[in-house]
């Protein structure tokens, strides 16, 4: 179940509050709640506004999330909190109606052998770059542990930093699409430093 969005990039162990009001996506959310509670956020590709033929293109790396705290309103709108579970890559979209669906493969984090100390150094560096947002990072990690148990994998910390960093959606997607944890941290450092220099 794909939820194409123009500006939301969800990360594993991150949270996104989403208002749902279009009929087709209300159907999607209701069916998901009755089933496994899973939907995936997919970032719309640049130029989607000009596309008048067919469904707008989405980026290929998505985040599968779990619906939490759905709340219905008298006007039919549903507000929900989506908790990111895993990166995935769209292999192909499946003809479906009224909402979009796809066959996907889950993506695992990769830490090249012998690079654990370099990853730790980059984690320290990126945390130094966002001193005012560190409490948000640790808060995300605590909530993730409550929901899924302890997961000290460095990729989860990179994702928490990305979630807390308030980067532009293009930079956020670039970080989401990177499975190599060392490169993910390097991308974060680059984008945060670039933003600070603006």
Protein backbone atom coordinates (compact mmCIF):
# COMPACT_ATOMS: atom_id res chain seq x y z
CA UNK A 1 0.00 0.00 0.00
CA UNK A 2 1.74 3.14 -1.25
CA UNK A 3 1.00 6.57 0.16
CA UNK A 4 2.64 9.05 -2.28
CA UNK A 5 3.48 12.32 -0.54
CA UNK A 6 5.03 15.55 -1.85
CA UNK A 7 7.26 16.40 1.09
CA UNK A 8 7.28 13.67 3.77
CA UNK A 9 10.35 11.42 4.07
CA UNK A 10 9.87 8.87 6.84
CA UNK A 11 12.82 6.97 8.32
CA UNK A 12 12.89 3.63 10.12
CA UNK A 13 12.24 4.31 13.83
CA UNK A 14 10.95 7.78 12.94
CA UNK A 15 7.43 9.12 13.28
CA UNK A 16 5.22 11.11 10.90
CA UNK A 17 1.82 12.60 11.83
CA UNK A 18 -0.36 12.28 8.75
CA UNK A 19 -3.82 13.71 8.05
CA UNK A 20 -5.69 11.52 5.55
CA UNK A 21 -8.68 13.00 3.74
CA UNK A 22 -8.74 11.76 0.12
CA UNK A 23 -11.28 8.97 -0.34
CA UNK A 24 -8.84 6.51 -1.90
CA UNK A 25 -6.32 6.93 0.91
CA UNK A 26 -9.05 6.76 3.53
CA UNK A 27 -9.93 3.38 1.98
CA UNK A 28 -6.26 2.40 2.11
CA UNK A 29 -5.89 3.34 5.78
CA UNK A 30 -9.11 1.61 6.79
CA UNK A 31 -8.08 -1.58 4.97
CA UNK A 32 -4.61 -1.44 6.50
CA UNK A 33 -6.05 -1.04 10.01
CA UNK A 34 -8.25 -4.10 9.41
CA UNK A 35 -5.24 -6.04 8.09
CA UNK A 36 -1.61 -5.66 9.25
CA UNK A 37 -1.58 -1.91 9.88
CA UNK A 38 1.19 -1.33 7.32
CA UNK A 39 1.46 1.36 4.66
CA UNK A 40 4.53 2.81 2.94
CA UNK A 41 5.35 6.47 2.37
CA UNK A 42 6.74 7.22 -1.09
CA UNK A 43 8.20 10.62 -1.99
CA UNK A 44 6.82 12.08 -5.22
CA UNK A 45 9.51 12.75 -7.80
CA UNK A 46 10.27 16.35 -8.83
CA UNK A 47 7.93 17.66 -11.51
CA UNK A 48 4.94 15.62 -10.38
CA UNK A 49 2.77 18.77 -10.54
CA UNK A 50 3.17 18.95 -14.32
CA UNK A 51 2.30 15.30 -14.86
CA UNK A 52 -1.27 15.13 -16.11
CA UNK A 53 -1.17 11.61 -17.52
CA UNK A 54 -1.23 8.61 -15.24
CA UNK A 55 -0.18 8.46 -11.59
CA UNK A 56 2.74 10.72 -10.66
CA UNK A 57 6.13 9.02 -10.40
CA UNK A 58 7.51 8.25 -6.95
CA UNK A 59 11.07 7.66 -5.78
CA UNK A 60 12.03 3.98 -5.64
CA UNK A 61 13.18 3.75 -2.02
CA UNK A 62 10.32 3.98 0.45
CA UNK A 63 9.73 3.50 4.16
CA UNK A 64 7.25 0.89 5.36
CA UNK A 65 5.44 2.11 8.45
CA UNK A 66 3.03 0.92 11.12
CA UNK A 67 -0.16 2.91 11.71
CA UNK A 68 -0.42 4.09 15.31
CA UNK A 69 -3.20 6.02 17.04
CA UNK A 70 -5.65 6.47 14.16
CA UNK A 71 -8.32 9.02 15.02
CA UNK A 72 -11.45 9.59 12.94
CA UNK A 73 -13.17 12.96 12.63
CA UNK A 74 -16.83 13.74 11.90
CA UNK A 75 -15.87 15.01 8.42
CA UNK A 76 -14.36 11.61 7.59
CA UNK A 77 -10.71 12.65 7.90
CA UNK A 78 -8.41 10.27 9.76
CA UNK A 79 -5.36 11.56 11.62
CA UNK A 80 -2.70 8.98 12.33
CA UNK A 81 0.86 8.60 13.50
CA UNK A 82 3.00 6.48 11.20
CA UNK A 83 5.99 4.74 12.77
CA UNK A 84 8.78 3.79 10.36
CA UNK A 85 9.70 0.11 10.37
CA UNK A 86 12.00 -0.54 7.41
CA UNK A 87 13.51 0.76 4.19
CA UNK A 88 12.29 -0.94 1.06
CA UNK A 89 12.75 -0.66 -2.68
CA UNK A 90 9.86 -0.71 -5.10
CA UNK A 91 10.35 -3.58 -7.55
CA UNK A 92 7.15 -2.97 -9.48
CA UNK A 93 3.81 -1.36 -9.00
CA UNK A 94 0.83 -3.69 -9.03
CA UNK A 95 -2.27 -2.63 -10.97
CA UNK A 96 -4.74 -1.74 -8.24
CA UNK A 97 -7.67 0.48 -7.41
CA UNK A 98 -8.45 2.86 -5.76
CA UNK A 99 -4.98 3.32 -4.24
CA UNK A 100 -1.50 2.33 -5.43
CA UNK A 101 0.22 -0.88 -4.40
CA UNK A 102 3.65 -2.30 -5.13
CA UNK A 103 5.83 -5.36 -4.76
CA UNK A 104 8.86 -4.38 -2.71
CA UNK A 105 12.05 -5.78 -1.24
CA UNK A 106 13.23 -4.82 2.24
CA UNK A 107 16.66 -3.18 2.39
CA UNK A 108 19.17 -4.05 5.11
CA UNK A 109 21.78 -1.67 6.48
CA UNK A 110 25.34 -2.38 5.40
CA UNK A 111 28.39 -1.66 7.55
CA UNK A 112 31.53 -2.61 5.60
CA UNK A 113 33.87 -4.88 7.61
CA UNK A 114 36.45 -3.03 9.66
CA UNK A 115 34.57 0.26 9.58
CA UNK A 116 32.83 0.21 12.97
CA UNK A 117 35.24 2.74 14.50
CA UNK A 118 34.83 5.07 11.50
CA UNK A 119 31.05 4.79 11.87
CA UNK A 120 31.36 5.67 15.57
CA UNK A 121 33.51 8.70 14.71
CA UNK A 122 30.95 9.92 12.20
CA UNK A 123 28.14 9.43 14.73
CA UNK A 124 30.02 11.63 17.21
CA UNK A 125 30.67 14.20 14.48
CA UNK A 126 27.07 14.41 13.30
CA UNK A 127 25.77 14.71 16.88
CA UNK A 128 28.19 17.61 17.42
CA UNK A 129 26.61 19.34 14.40
CA UNK A 130 23.09 19.31 15.90
CA UNK A 131 23.58 20.13 19.61
CA UNK A 132 20.12 21.64 20.00
CA UNK A 133 18.44 18.59 18.49
CA UNK A 134 20.26 15.85 20.40
CA UNK A 135 17.38 15.44 22.92
CA UNK A 136 15.09 14.65 19.97
CA UNK A 137 17.53 11.98 18.75
CA UNK A 138 17.69 10.30 22.16
CA UNK A 139 13.92 10.61 22.53
CA UNK A 140 13.40 8.85 19.21
CA UNK A 141 15.78 6.08 20.24
CA UNK A 142 13.92 5.60 23.56
CA UNK A 143 10.53 5.43 21.82
CA UNK A 144 11.90 3.00 19.26
CA UNK A 145 13.22 0.75 22.03
CA UNK A 146 9.83 0.80 23.75
CA UNK A 147 8.13 -0.22 20.50
CA UNK A 148 10.65 -2.72 19.11
CA UNK A 149 13.16 -3.52 21.81
CA UNK A 150 16.79 -2.47 22.03
CA UNK A 151 18.44 -1.94 18.64
CA UNK A 152 21.85 -0.32 18.92
CA UNK A 153 22.65 -0.67 15.20
CA UNK A 154 24.48 2.45 13.97
CA UNK A 155 22.09 2.82 11.05
CA UNK A 156 19.24 3.47 13.47
CA UNK A 157 21.20 6.34 14.99
CA UNK A 158 21.87 7.80 11.54
CA UNK A 159 18.15 7.59 10.80
CA UNK A 160 17.26 9.27 14.12
CA UNK A 161 19.68 12.11 13.37
CA UNK A 162 18.23 12.50 9.87
CA UNK A 163 14.71 12.58 11.29
CA UNK A 164 15.73 15.29 13.78
CA UNK A 165 17.83 17.37 11.40
CA UNK A 166 15.15 19.32 9.49
CA UNK A 167 16.93 18.93 6.15
CA UNK A 168 15.22 19.62 2.78
CA UNK A 169 13.22 16.70 1.42
CA UNK A 170 15.74 16.06 -1.39
CA UNK A 171 18.57 15.66 1.14
CA UNK A 172 16.37 13.53 3.38
CA UNK A 173 15.55 11.21 0.50
CA UNK A 174 19.23 10.89 -0.43
CA UNK A 175 19.93 9.76 3.15
CA UNK A 176 16.96 7.37 3.14
CA UNK A 177 18.09 5.76 -0.12
CA UNK A 178 21.62 5.04 1.20
CA UNK A 179 22.00 1.56 2.71
CA UNK A 180 25.74 1.88 3.42
CA UNK A 181 25.76 3.27 6.97
CA UNK A 182 29.19 4.90 6.63
CA UNK A 183 28.09 6.77 3.51
CA UNK A 184 24.77 7.62 5.17
CA UNK A 185 26.60 9.37 8.00
CA UNK A 186 28.85 11.13 5.48
CA UNK A 187 25.79 12.38 3.58
CA UNK A 188 24.29 13.65 6.82
CA UNK A 189 27.47 15.51 7.74
CA UNK A 190 27.66 17.04 4.26
CA UNK A 191 24.02 18.17 4.17
CA UNK A 192 23.98 19.51 7.73
CA UNK A 193 27.23 21.45 7.19
CA UNK A 194 25.91 22.80 3.87
CA UNK A 195 22.69 23.92 5.49
CA UNK A 196 24.58 25.60 8.34
CA UNK A 197 26.70 27.54 5.84
CA UNK A 198 23.69 28.95 3.98
